[in-house]
Amino acid sequence: MSTIKANHTVSAKLMGGEESGIICDLMEELFDHVDVIDSGAYVSIETQEEELVFEMAEIAEVMGHSYSVSNFLAILATYKGFIEVNDDNVTIRNNG
């Protein structure tokens, strides 16, 4: 018989490509608690912390051009946690 254990991982899975690579690099640079897992067609950004916050201004600065929440949502394949979509950021929070 298996025992169900709590898992407080917060994650975003992005479709692979140049944009997701830039976002993964940025998140690893900004947060030491972030793990990036490259699965080929997808990349996962995971943390055991309370939340992941994707700030569009920070992403745009690294990309060198404007970047919107709509652009981010277009490559967001799935996520784990509660998602909050704002005008200038996307936050994924812990379920716990």
PDB file of N, CA and C in Angstrom:
ATOM      1  N   MET A   1       0.844  -1.173   0.000  1.00  0.00           N
ATOM      2  CA  MET A   1       0.000   0.000   0.000  1.00  0.00           C
ATOM      3  C   MET A   1       0.896   1.245   0.000  1.00  0.00           C
ATOM      4  N   SER A   2       0.562   2.184  -0.849  1.00  0.00           N
ATOM      5  CA  SER A   2       1.370   3.399  -0.951  1.00  0.00           C
ATOM      6  C   SER A   2       0.834   4.479  -0.023  1.00  0.00           C
ATOM      7  N   THR A   3       1.748   5.332   0.392  1.00  0.00           N
ATOM      8  CA  THR A   3       1.389   6.469   1.225  1.00  0.00           C
ATOM      9  C   THR A   3       1.523   7.729   0.387  1.00  0.00           C
ATOM     10  N   ILE A   4       0.497   8.538   0.362  1.00  0.00           N
ATOM     11  CA  ILE A   4       0.547   9.790  -0.386  1.00  0.00           C
ATOM     12  C   ILE A   4       1.269  10.825   0.459  1.00  0.00           C
ATOM     13  N   LYS A   5       2.276  11.457  -0.156  1.00  0.00           N
ATOM     14  CA  LYS A   5       3.064  12.463   0.548  1.00  0.00           C
ATOM     15  C   LYS A   5       2.828  13.820  -0.095  1.00  0.00           C
ATOM     16  N   ALA A   6       2.834  14.843   0.724  1.00  0.00           N
ATOM     17  CA  ALA A   6       2.662  16.204   0.217  1.00  0.00           C
ATOM     18  C   ALA A   6       3.843  16.582  -0.673  1.00  0.00           C
ATOM     19  N   ASN A   7       3.544  17.277  -1.742  1.00  0.00           N
ATOM     20  CA  ASN A   7       4.571  17.754  -2.654  1.00  0.00           C
ATOM     21  C   ASN A   7       4.266  19.227  -2.907  1.00  0.00           C
ATOM     22  N   HIS A   8       5.171  20.086  -2.522  1.00  0.00           N
ATOM     23  CA  HIS A   8       4.919  21.515  -2.619  1.00  0.00           C
ATOM     24  C   HIS A   8       5.673  22.165  -3.780  1.00  0.00           C
ATOM     25  N   THR A   9       6.030  21.358  -4.768  1.00  0.00           N
ATOM     26  CA  THR A   9       6.720  21.890  -5.932  1.00  0.00           C
ATOM     27  C   THR A   9       5.821  22.846  -6.695  1.00  0.00           C
ATOM     28  N   VAL A  10       6.396  23.970  -7.091  1.00  0.00           N
ATOM     29  CA  VAL A  10       5.743  24.920  -7.977  1.00  0.00           C
ATOM     30  C   VAL A  10       6.529  24.857  -9.277  1.00  0.00           C
ATOM     31  N   SER A  11       5.828  24.745 -10.411  1.00  0.00           N
ATOM     32  CA  SER A  11       6.568  24.630 -11.662  1.00  0.00           C
ATOM     33  C   SER A  11       5.818  25.237 -12.832  1.00  0.00           C
ATOM     34  N   ALA A  12       6.594  25.572 -13.847  1.00  0.00           N
ATOM     35  CA  ALA A  12       6.069  26.016 -15.132  1.00  0.00           C
ATOM     36  C   ALA A  12       6.770  25.193 -16.192  1.00  0.00           C
ATOM     37  N   LYS A  13       6.013  24.624 -17.103  1.00  0.00           N
ATOM     38  CA  LYS A  13       6.608  23.871 -18.200  1.00  0.00           C
ATOM     39  C   LYS A  13       6.384  24.692 -19.464  1.00  0.00           C
ATOM     40  N   LEU A  14       7.502  25.065 -20.101  1.00  0.00           N
ATOM     41  CA  LEU A  14       7.457  25.902 -21.298  1.00  0.00           C
ATOM     42  C   LEU A  14       7.825  25.073 -22.520  1.00  0.00           C
ATOM     43  N   MET A  15       7.194  25.383 -23.658  1.00  0.00           N
ATOM     44  CA  MET A  15       7.570  24.747 -24.910  1.00  0.00           C
ATOM     45  C   MET A  15       9.007  25.146 -25.227  1.00  0.00           C
ATOM     46  N   GLY A  16       9.802  24.192 -25.676  1.00  0.00           N
ATOM     47  CA  GLY A  16      11.199  24.444 -25.971  1.00  0.00           C
ATOM     48  C   GLY A  16      11.374  25.461 -27.095  1.00  0.00           C
ATOM     49  N   GLY A  17      12.464  26.171 -27.054  1.00  0.00           N
ATOM     50  CA  GLY A  17      12.762  27.159 -28.090  1.00  0.00           C
ATOM     51  C   GLY A  17      13.613  28.275 -27.530  1.00  0.00           C
ATOM     52  N   GLU A  18      13.896  29.245 -28.366  1.00  0.00           N
ATOM     53  CA  GLU A  18      14.767  30.348 -27.965  1.00  0.00           C
ATOM     54  C   GLU A  18      14.183  31.143 -26.796  1.00  0.00           C
ATOM     55  N   GLU A  19      12.884  31.470 -26.859  1.00  0.00           N
ATOM     56  CA  GLU A  19      12.268  32.249 -25.781  1.00  0.00           C
ATOM     57  C   GLU A  19      12.337  31.517 -24.452  1.00  0.00           C
ATOM     58  N   SER A  20      11.984  30.248 -24.461  1.00  0.00           N
ATOM     59  CA  SER A  20      11.995  29.500 -23.196  1.00  0.00           C
ATOM     60  C   SER A  20      13.418  29.361 -22.662  1.00  0.00           C
ATOM     61  N   GLY A  21      14.395  29.217 -23.540  1.00  0.00           N
ATOM     62  CA  GLY A  21      15.787  29.150 -23.104  1.00  0.00           C
ATOM     63  C   GLY A  21      16.223  30.420 -22.407  1.00  0.00           C
ATOM     64  N   ILE A  22      15.840  31.557 -22.969  1.00  0.00           N
ATOM     65  CA  ILE A  22      16.171  32.850 -22.362  1.00  0.00           C
ATOM     66  C   ILE A  22      15.493  32.993 -21.005  1.00  0.00           C
ATOM     67  N   ILE A  23      14.235  32.606 -20.929  1.00  0.00           N
ATOM     68  CA  ILE A  23      13.487  32.713 -19.669  1.00  0.00           C
ATOM     69  C   ILE A  23      14.102  31.791 -18.611  1.00  0.00           C
ATOM     70  N   CYS A  24      14.466  30.573 -18.986  1.00  0.00           N
ATOM     71  CA  CYS A  24      15.096  29.642 -18.041  1.00  0.00           C
ATOM     72  C   CYS A  24      16.414  30.202 -17.518  1.00  0.00           C
ATOM     73  N   ASP A  25      17.240  30.715 -18.421  1.00  0.00           N
ATOM     74  CA  ASP A  25      18.515  31.303 -18.007  1.00  0.00           C
ATOM     75  C   ASP A  25      18.296  32.458 -17.042  1.00  0.00           C
ATOM     76  N   LEU A  26      17.321  33.308 -17.333  1.00  0.00           N
ATOM     77  CA  LEU A  26      17.016  34.451 -16.474  1.00  0.00           C
ATOM     78  C   LEU A  26      16.560  33.985 -15.096  1.00  0.00           C
ATOM     79  N   MET A  27      15.659  33.027 -15.039  1.00  0.00           N
ATOM     80  CA  MET A  27      15.147  32.546 -13.753  1.00  0.00           C
ATOM     81  C   MET A  27      16.262  31.908 -12.927  1.00  0.00           C
ATOM     82  N   GLU A  28      17.167  31.171 -13.572  1.00  0.00           N
ATOM     83  CA  GLU A  28      18.302  30.577 -12.854  1.00  0.00           C
ATOM     84  C   GLU A  28      19.238  31.662 -12.328  1.00  0.00           C
ATOM     85  N   GLU A  29      19.384  32.728 -13.095  1.00  0.00           N
ATOM     86  CA  GLU A  29      20.246  33.833 -12.673  1.00  0.00           C
ATOM     87  C   GLU A  29      19.643  34.603 -11.503  1.00  0.00           C
ATOM     88  N   LEU A  30      18.341  34.819 -11.538  1.00  0.00           N
ATOM     89  CA  LEU A  30      17.679  35.622 -10.512  1.00  0.00           C
ATOM     90  C   LEU A  30      17.432  34.871  -9.206  1.00  0.00           C
ATOM     91  N   PHE A  31      17.185  33.570  -9.293  1.00  0.00           N
ATOM     92  CA  PHE A  31      16.757  32.800  -8.123  1.00  0.00           C
ATOM     93  C   PHE A  31      17.625  31.560  -7.960  1.00  0.00           C
ATOM     94  N   ASP A  32      18.284  31.438  -6.809  1.00  0.00           N
ATOM     95  CA  ASP A  32      19.130  30.265  -6.587  1.00  0.00           C
ATOM     96  C   ASP A  32      18.331  29.013  -6.243  1.00  0.00           C
ATOM     97  N   HIS A  33      17.041  29.164  -5.974  1.00  0.00           N
ATOM     98  CA  HIS A  33      16.202  28.024  -5.603  1.00  0.00           C
ATOM     99  C   HIS A  33      15.465  27.409  -6.784  1.00  0.00           C
ATOM    100  N   VAL A  34      15.786  27.818  -7.998  1.00  0.00           N
ATOM    101  CA  VAL A  34      15.094  27.343  -9.194  1.00  0.00           C
ATOM    102  C   VAL A  34      15.911  26.233  -9.857  1.00  0.00           C
ATOM    103  N   ASP A  35      15.218  25.166 -10.248  1.00  0.00           N
ATOM    104  CA  ASP A  35      15.829  24.079 -11.020  1.00  0.00           C
ATOM    105  C   ASP A  35      15.209  24.078 -12.409  1.00  0.00           C
ATOM    106  N   VAL A  36      16.046  23.923 -13.428  1.00  0.00           N
ATOM    107  CA  VAL A  36      15.574  23.837 -14.802  1.00  0.00           C
ATOM    108  C   VAL A  36      15.849  22.427 -15.298  1.00  0.00           C
ATOM    109  N   ILE A  37      14.824  21.804 -15.864  1.00  0.00           N
ATOM    110  CA  ILE A  37      14.936  20.451 -16.387  1.00  0.00           C
ATOM    111  C   ILE A  37      14.592  20.505 -17.870  1.00  0.00           C
ATOM    112  N   ASP A  38      15.556  20.163 -18.709  1.00  0.00           N
ATOM    113  CA  ASP A  38      15.374  20.193 -20.160  1.00  0.00           C
ATOM    114  C   ASP A  38      14.924  18.809 -20.618  1.00  0.00           C
ATOM    115  N   SER A  39      13.719  18.740 -21.161  1.00  0.00           N
ATOM    116  CA  SER A  39      13.180  17.471 -21.649  1.00  0.00           C
ATOM    117  C   SER A  39      13.089  17.454 -23.171  1.00  0.00           C
ATOM    118  N   GLY A  40      13.861  18.277 -23.811  1.00  0.00           N
ATOM    119  CA  GLY A  40      13.835  18.324 -25.270  1.00  0.00           C
ATOM    120  C   GLY A  40      12.792  19.307 -25.776  1.00  0.00           C
ATOM    121  N   ALA A  41      11.603  18.816 -26.006  1.00  0.00           N
ATOM    122  CA  ALA A  41      10.534  19.671 -26.532  1.00  0.00           C
ATOM    123  C   ALA A  41      10.004  20.642 -25.482  1.00  0.00           C
ATOM    124  N   TYR A  42      10.254  20.344 -24.216  1.00  0.00           N
ATOM    125  CA  TYR A  42       9.777  21.177 -23.118  1.00  0.00           C
ATOM    126  C   TYR A  42      10.906  21.422 -22.130  1.00  0.00           C
ATOM    127  N   VAL A  43      10.788  22.533 -21.409  1.00  0.00           N
ATOM    128  CA  VAL A  43      11.678  22.794 -20.276  1.00  0.00           C
ATOM    129  C   VAL A  43      10.809  23.104 -19.067  1.00  0.00           C
ATOM    130  N   SER A  44      11.195  22.553 -17.937  1.00  0.00           N
ATOM    131  CA  SER A  44      10.469  22.807 -16.692  1.00  0.00           C
ATOM    132  C   SER A  44      11.300  23.702 -15.793  1.00  0.00           C
ATOM    133  N   ILE A  45      10.645  24.684 -15.213  1.00  0.00           N
ATOM    134  CA  ILE A  45      11.255  25.543 -14.216  1.00  0.00           C
ATOM    135  C   ILE A  45      10.547  25.202 -12.914  1.00  0.00           C
ATOM    136  N   GLU A  46      11.294  24.701 -11.928  1.00  0.00           N
ATOM    137  CA  GLU A  46      10.693  24.205 -10.689  1.00  0.00           C
ATOM    138  C   GLU A  46      11.349  24.829  -9.470  1.00  0.00           C
ATOM    139  N   THR A  47      10.561  24.908  -8.395  1.00  0.00           N
ATOM    140  CA  THR A  47      11.076  25.358  -7.114  1.00  0.00           C
ATOM    141  C   THR A  47      10.262  24.715  -5.995  1.00  0.00           C
ATOM    142  N   GLN A  48      10.872  24.616  -4.839  1.00  0.00           N
ATOM    143  CA  GLN A  48      10.179  24.189  -3.624  1.00  0.00           C
ATOM    144  C   GLN A  48       9.753  25.413  -2.809  1.00  0.00           C
ATOM    145  N   GLU A  49      10.084  26.583  -3.297  1.00  0.00           N
ATOM    146  CA  GLU A  49       9.706  27.835  -2.627  1.00  0.00           C
ATOM    147  C   GLU A  49       8.219  28.105  -2.832  1.00  0.00           C
ATOM    148  N   GLU A  50       7.741  29.167  -2.242  1.00  0.00           N
ATOM    149  CA  GLU A  50       6.326  29.537  -2.246  1.00  0.00           C
ATOM    150  C   GLU A  50       5.775  29.859  -3.635  1.00  0.00           C
ATOM    151  N   GLU A  51       6.612  30.466  -4.509  1.00  0.00           N
ATOM    152  CA  GLU A  51       6.074  30.904  -5.796  1.00  0.00           C
ATOM    153  C   GLU A  51       7.176  31.107  -6.830  1.00  0.00           C
ATOM    154  N   LEU A  52       6.755  31.119  -8.078  1.00  0.00           N
ATOM    155  CA  LEU A  52       7.569  31.532  -9.216  1.00  0.00           C
ATOM    156  C   LEU A  52       6.920  32.785  -9.783  1.00  0.00           C
ATOM    157  N   VAL A  53       7.705  33.826  -9.993  1.00  0.00           N
ATOM    158  CA  VAL A  53       7.171  35.068 -10.555  1.00  0.00           C
ATOM    159  C   VAL A  53       7.932  35.377 -11.834  1.00  0.00           C
ATOM    160  N   PHE A  54       7.199  35.491 -12.921  1.00  0.00           N
ATOM    161  CA  PHE A  54       7.767  35.822 -14.218  1.00  0.00           C
ATOM    162  C   PHE A  54       7.401  37.275 -14.532  1.00  0.00           C
ATOM    163  N   GLU A  55       8.382  38.156 -14.415  1.00  0.00           N
ATOM    164  CA  GLU A  55       8.185  39.592 -14.660  1.00  0.00           C
ATOM    165  C   GLU A  55       8.484  39.890 -16.125  1.00  0.00           C
ATOM    166  N   MET A  56       7.501  40.406 -16.842  1.00  0.00           N
ATOM    167  CA  MET A  56       7.665  40.656 -18.268  1.00  0.00           C
ATOM    168  C   MET A  56       8.723  41.713 -18.555  1.00  0.00           C
ATOM    169  N   ALA A  57       8.872  42.713 -17.703  1.00  0.00           N
ATOM    170  CA  ALA A  57       9.883  43.750 -17.919  1.00  0.00           C
ATOM    171  C   ALA A  57      11.291  43.144 -17.860  1.00  0.00           C
ATOM    172  N   GLU A  58      11.519  42.222 -16.932  1.00  0.00           N
ATOM    173  CA  GLU A  58      12.827  41.569 -16.818  1.00  0.00           C
ATOM    174  C   GLU A  58      13.102  40.695 -18.040  1.00  0.00           C
ATOM    175  N   ILE A  59      12.081  39.976 -18.483  1.00  0.00           N
ATOM    176  CA  ILE A  59      12.229  39.119 -19.659  1.00  0.00           C
ATOM    177  C   ILE A  59      12.495  39.981 -20.896  1.00  0.00           C
ATOM    178  N   ALA A  60      11.744  41.058 -21.046  1.00  0.00           N
ATOM    179  CA  ALA A  60      11.915  41.957 -22.197  1.00  0.00           C
ATOM    180  C   ALA A  60      13.316  42.553 -22.224  1.00  0.00           C
ATOM    181  N   GLU A  61      13.830  42.915 -21.065  1.00  0.00           N
ATOM    182  CA  GLU A  61      15.164  43.511 -20.992  1.00  0.00           C
ATOM    183  C   GLU A  61      16.228  42.535 -21.508  1.00  0.00           C
ATOM    184  N   VAL A  62      16.123  41.282 -21.112  1.00  0.00           N
ATOM    185  CA  VAL A  62      17.091  40.277 -21.546  1.00  0.00           C
ATOM    186  C   VAL A  62      16.918  39.957 -23.033  1.00  0.00           C
ATOM    187  N   MET A  63      15.679  39.936 -23.501  1.00  0.00           N
ATOM    188  CA  MET A  63      15.420  39.618 -24.914  1.00  0.00           C
ATOM    189  C   MET A  63      15.776  40.779 -25.841  1.00  0.00           C
ATOM    190  N   GLY A  64      15.748  41.988 -25.308  1.00  0.00           N
ATOM    191  CA  GLY A  64      16.073  43.140 -26.127  1.00  0.00           C
ATOM    192  C   GLY A  64      14.911  43.684 -26.933  1.00  0.00           C
ATOM    193  N   HIS A  65      13.708  43.255 -26.585  1.00  0.00           N
ATOM    194  CA  HIS A  65      12.493  43.767 -27.237  1.00  0.00           C
ATOM    195  C   HIS A  65      11.315  43.578 -26.294  1.00  0.00           C
ATOM    196  N   SER A  66      10.201  44.193 -26.618  1.00  0.00           N
ATOM    197  CA  SER A  66       9.038  44.088 -25.730  1.00  0.00           C
ATOM    198  C   SER A  66       8.590  42.627 -25.631  1.00  0.00           C
ATOM    199  N   TYR A  67       8.072  42.286 -24.464  1.00  0.00           N
ATOM    200  CA  TYR A  67       7.595  40.929 -24.213  1.00  0.00           C
ATOM    201  C   TYR A  67       6.385  41.040 -23.299  1.00  0.00           C
ATOM    202  N   SER A  68       5.294  40.434 -23.705  1.00  0.00           N
ATOM    203  CA  SER A  68       4.036  40.593 -22.973  1.00  0.00           C
ATOM    204  C   SER A  68       3.619  39.294 -22.284  1.00  0.00           C
ATOM    205  N   VAL A  69       2.656  39.429 -21.411  1.00  0.00           N
ATOM    206  CA  VAL A  69       2.064  38.266 -20.754  1.00  0.00           C
ATOM    207  C   VAL A  69       1.492  37.320 -21.806  1.00  0.00           C
ATOM    208  N   SER A  70       0.894  37.864 -22.858  1.00  0.00           N
ATOM    209  CA  SER A  70       0.354  37.029 -23.940  1.00  0.00           C
ATOM    210  C   SER A  70       1.443  36.198 -24.597  1.00  0.00           C
ATOM    211  N   ASN A  71       2.620  36.809 -24.816  1.00  0.00           N
ATOM    212  CA  ASN A  71       3.750  36.065 -25.373  1.00  0.00           C
ATOM    213  C   ASN A  71       4.142  34.913 -24.455  1.00  0.00           C
ATOM    214  N   PHE A  72       4.205  35.197 -23.155  1.00  0.00           N
ATOM    215  CA  PHE A  72       4.576  34.169 -22.178  1.00  0.00           C
ATOM    216  C   PHE A  72       3.549  33.039 -22.154  1.00  0.00           C
ATOM    217  N   LEU A  73       2.279  33.393 -22.120  1.00  0.00           N
ATOM    218  CA  LEU A  73       1.227  32.376 -22.055  1.00  0.00           C
ATOM    219  C   LEU A  73       1.204  31.500 -23.308  1.00  0.00           C
ATOM    220  N   ALA A  74       1.666  32.041 -24.428  1.00  0.00           N
ATOM    221  CA  ALA A  74       1.703  31.267 -25.672  1.00  0.00           C
ATOM    222  C   ALA A  74       2.697  30.119 -25.602  1.00  0.00           C
ATOM    223  N   ILE A  75       3.745  30.230 -24.777  1.00  0.00           N
ATOM    224  CA  ILE A  75       4.726  29.138 -24.656  1.00  0.00           C
ATOM    225  C   ILE A  75       4.570  28.347 -23.352  1.00  0.00           C
ATOM    226  N   LEU A  76       3.670  28.768 -22.480  1.00  0.00           N
ATOM    227  CA  LEU A  76       3.414  28.049 -21.228  1.00  0.00           C
ATOM    228  C   LEU A  76       2.538  26.840 -21.530  1.00  0.00           C
ATOM    229  N   ALA A  77       3.132  25.651 -21.487  1.00  0.00           N
ATOM    230  CA  ALA A  77       2.397  24.428 -21.818  1.00  0.00           C
ATOM    231  C   ALA A  77       1.511  23.982 -20.657  1.00  0.00           C
ATOM    232  N   THR A  78       2.076  24.035 -19.453  1.00  0.00           N
ATOM    233  CA  THR A  78       1.330  23.651 -18.258  1.00  0.00           C
ATOM    234  C   THR A  78       2.059  24.198 -17.037  1.00  0.00           C
ATOM    235  N   TYR A  79       1.450  24.059 -15.892  1.00  0.00           N
ATOM    236  CA  TYR A  79       2.045  24.547 -14.659  1.00  0.00           C
ATOM    237  C   TYR A  79       1.505  23.735 -13.489  1.00  0.00           C
ATOM    238  N   LYS A  80       2.204  23.822 -12.356  1.00  0.00           N
ATOM    239  CA  LYS A  80       1.747  23.176 -11.129  1.00  0.00           C
ATOM    240  C   LYS A  80       1.668  24.243 -10.062  1.00  0.00           C
ATOM    241  N   GLY A  81       0.489  24.452  -9.531  1.00  0.00           N
ATOM    242  CA  GLY A  81       0.228  25.471  -8.530  1.00  0.00           C
ATOM    243  C   GLY A  81      -0.991  26.284  -8.932  1.00  0.00           C
ATOM    244  N   PHE A  82      -1.195  27.372  -8.245  1.00  0.00           N
ATOM    245  CA  PHE A  82      -2.268  28.303  -8.585  1.00  0.00           C
ATOM    246  C   PHE A  82      -1.661  29.423  -9.405  1.00  0.00           C
ATOM    247  N   ILE A  83      -2.274  29.751 -10.537  1.00  0.00           N
ATOM    248  CA  ILE A  83      -1.717  30.767 -11.417  1.00  0.00           C
ATOM    249  C   ILE A  83      -2.474  32.079 -11.267  1.00  0.00           C
ATOM    250  N   GLU A  84      -1.719  33.161 -11.287  1.00  0.00           N
ATOM    251  CA  GLU A  84      -2.285  34.511 -11.254  1.00  0.00           C
ATOM    252  C   GLU A  84      -1.681  35.263 -12.433  1.00  0.00           C
ATOM    253  N   VAL A  85      -2.531  35.689 -13.342  1.00  0.00           N
ATOM    254  CA  VAL A  85      -2.087  36.384 -14.545  1.00  0.00           C
ATOM    255  C   VAL A  85      -2.422  37.863 -14.387  1.00  0.00           C
ATOM    256  N   ASN A  86      -1.398  38.700 -14.429  1.00  0.00           N
ATOM    257  CA  ASN A  86      -1.560  40.150 -14.300  1.00  0.00           C
ATOM    258  C   ASN A  86      -1.122  40.821 -15.597  1.00  0.00           C
ATOM    259  N   ASP A  87      -1.220  42.129 -15.651  1.00  0.00           N
ATOM    260  CA  ASP A  87      -0.820  42.868 -16.848  1.00  0.00           C
ATOM    261  C   ASP A  87       0.672  42.779 -17.126  1.00  0.00           C
ATOM    262  N   ASP A  88       1.483  42.707 -16.062  1.00  0.00           N
ATOM    263  CA  ASP A  88       2.930  42.774 -16.246  1.00  0.00           C
ATOM    264  C   ASP A  88       3.697  41.590 -15.669  1.00  0.00           C
ATOM    265  N   ASN A  89       2.994  40.580 -15.141  1.00  0.00           N
ATOM    266  CA  ASN A  89       3.675  39.396 -14.635  1.00  0.00           C
ATOM    267  C   ASN A  89       2.728  38.212 -14.555  1.00  0.00           C
ATOM    268  N   VAL A  90       3.335  37.044 -14.428  1.00  0.00           N
ATOM    269  CA  VAL A  90       2.592  35.800 -14.186  1.00  0.00           C
ATOM    270  C   VAL A  90       3.213  35.177 -12.956  1.00  0.00           C
ATOM    271  N   THR A  91       2.374  34.848 -11.975  1.00  0.00           N
ATOM    272  CA  THR A  91       2.820  34.240 -10.735  1.00  0.00           C
ATOM    273  C   THR A  91       2.175  32.870 -10.594  1.00  0.00           C
ATOM    274  N   ILE A  92       2.980  31.878 -10.242  1.00  0.00           N
ATOM    275  CA  ILE A  92       2.471  30.551  -9.947  1.00  0.00           C
ATOM    276  C   ILE A  92       2.824  30.269  -8.507  1.00  0.00           C
ATOM    277  N   ARG A  93       1.775  30.032  -7.685  1.00  0.00           N
ATOM    278  CA  ARG A  93       1.950  29.867  -6.234  1.00  0.00           C
ATOM    279  C   ARG A  93       1.733  28.421  -5.815  1.00  0.00           C
ATOM    280  N   ASN A  94       2.297  28.104  -4.676  1.00  0.00           N
ATOM    281  CA  ASN A  94       2.184  26.794  -4.054  1.00  0.00           C
ATOM    282  C   ASN A  94       0.730  26.476  -3.734  1.00  0.00           C
ATOM    283  N   ASN A  95       0.361  25.212  -3.931  1.00  0.00           N
ATOM    284  CA  ASN A  95      -0.991  24.740  -3.594  1.00  0.00           C
ATOM    285  C   ASN A  95      -1.224  24.644  -2.084  1.00  0.00           C
ATOM    286  N   GLY A  96      -0.119  24.511  -1.341  1.00  0.00           N
ATOM    287  CA  GLY A  96      -0.178  24.128   0.046  1.00  0.00           C
ATOM    288  C   GLY A  96      -0.619  25.108   1.016  1.00  0.00           C
TER     289      GLY A  96
END
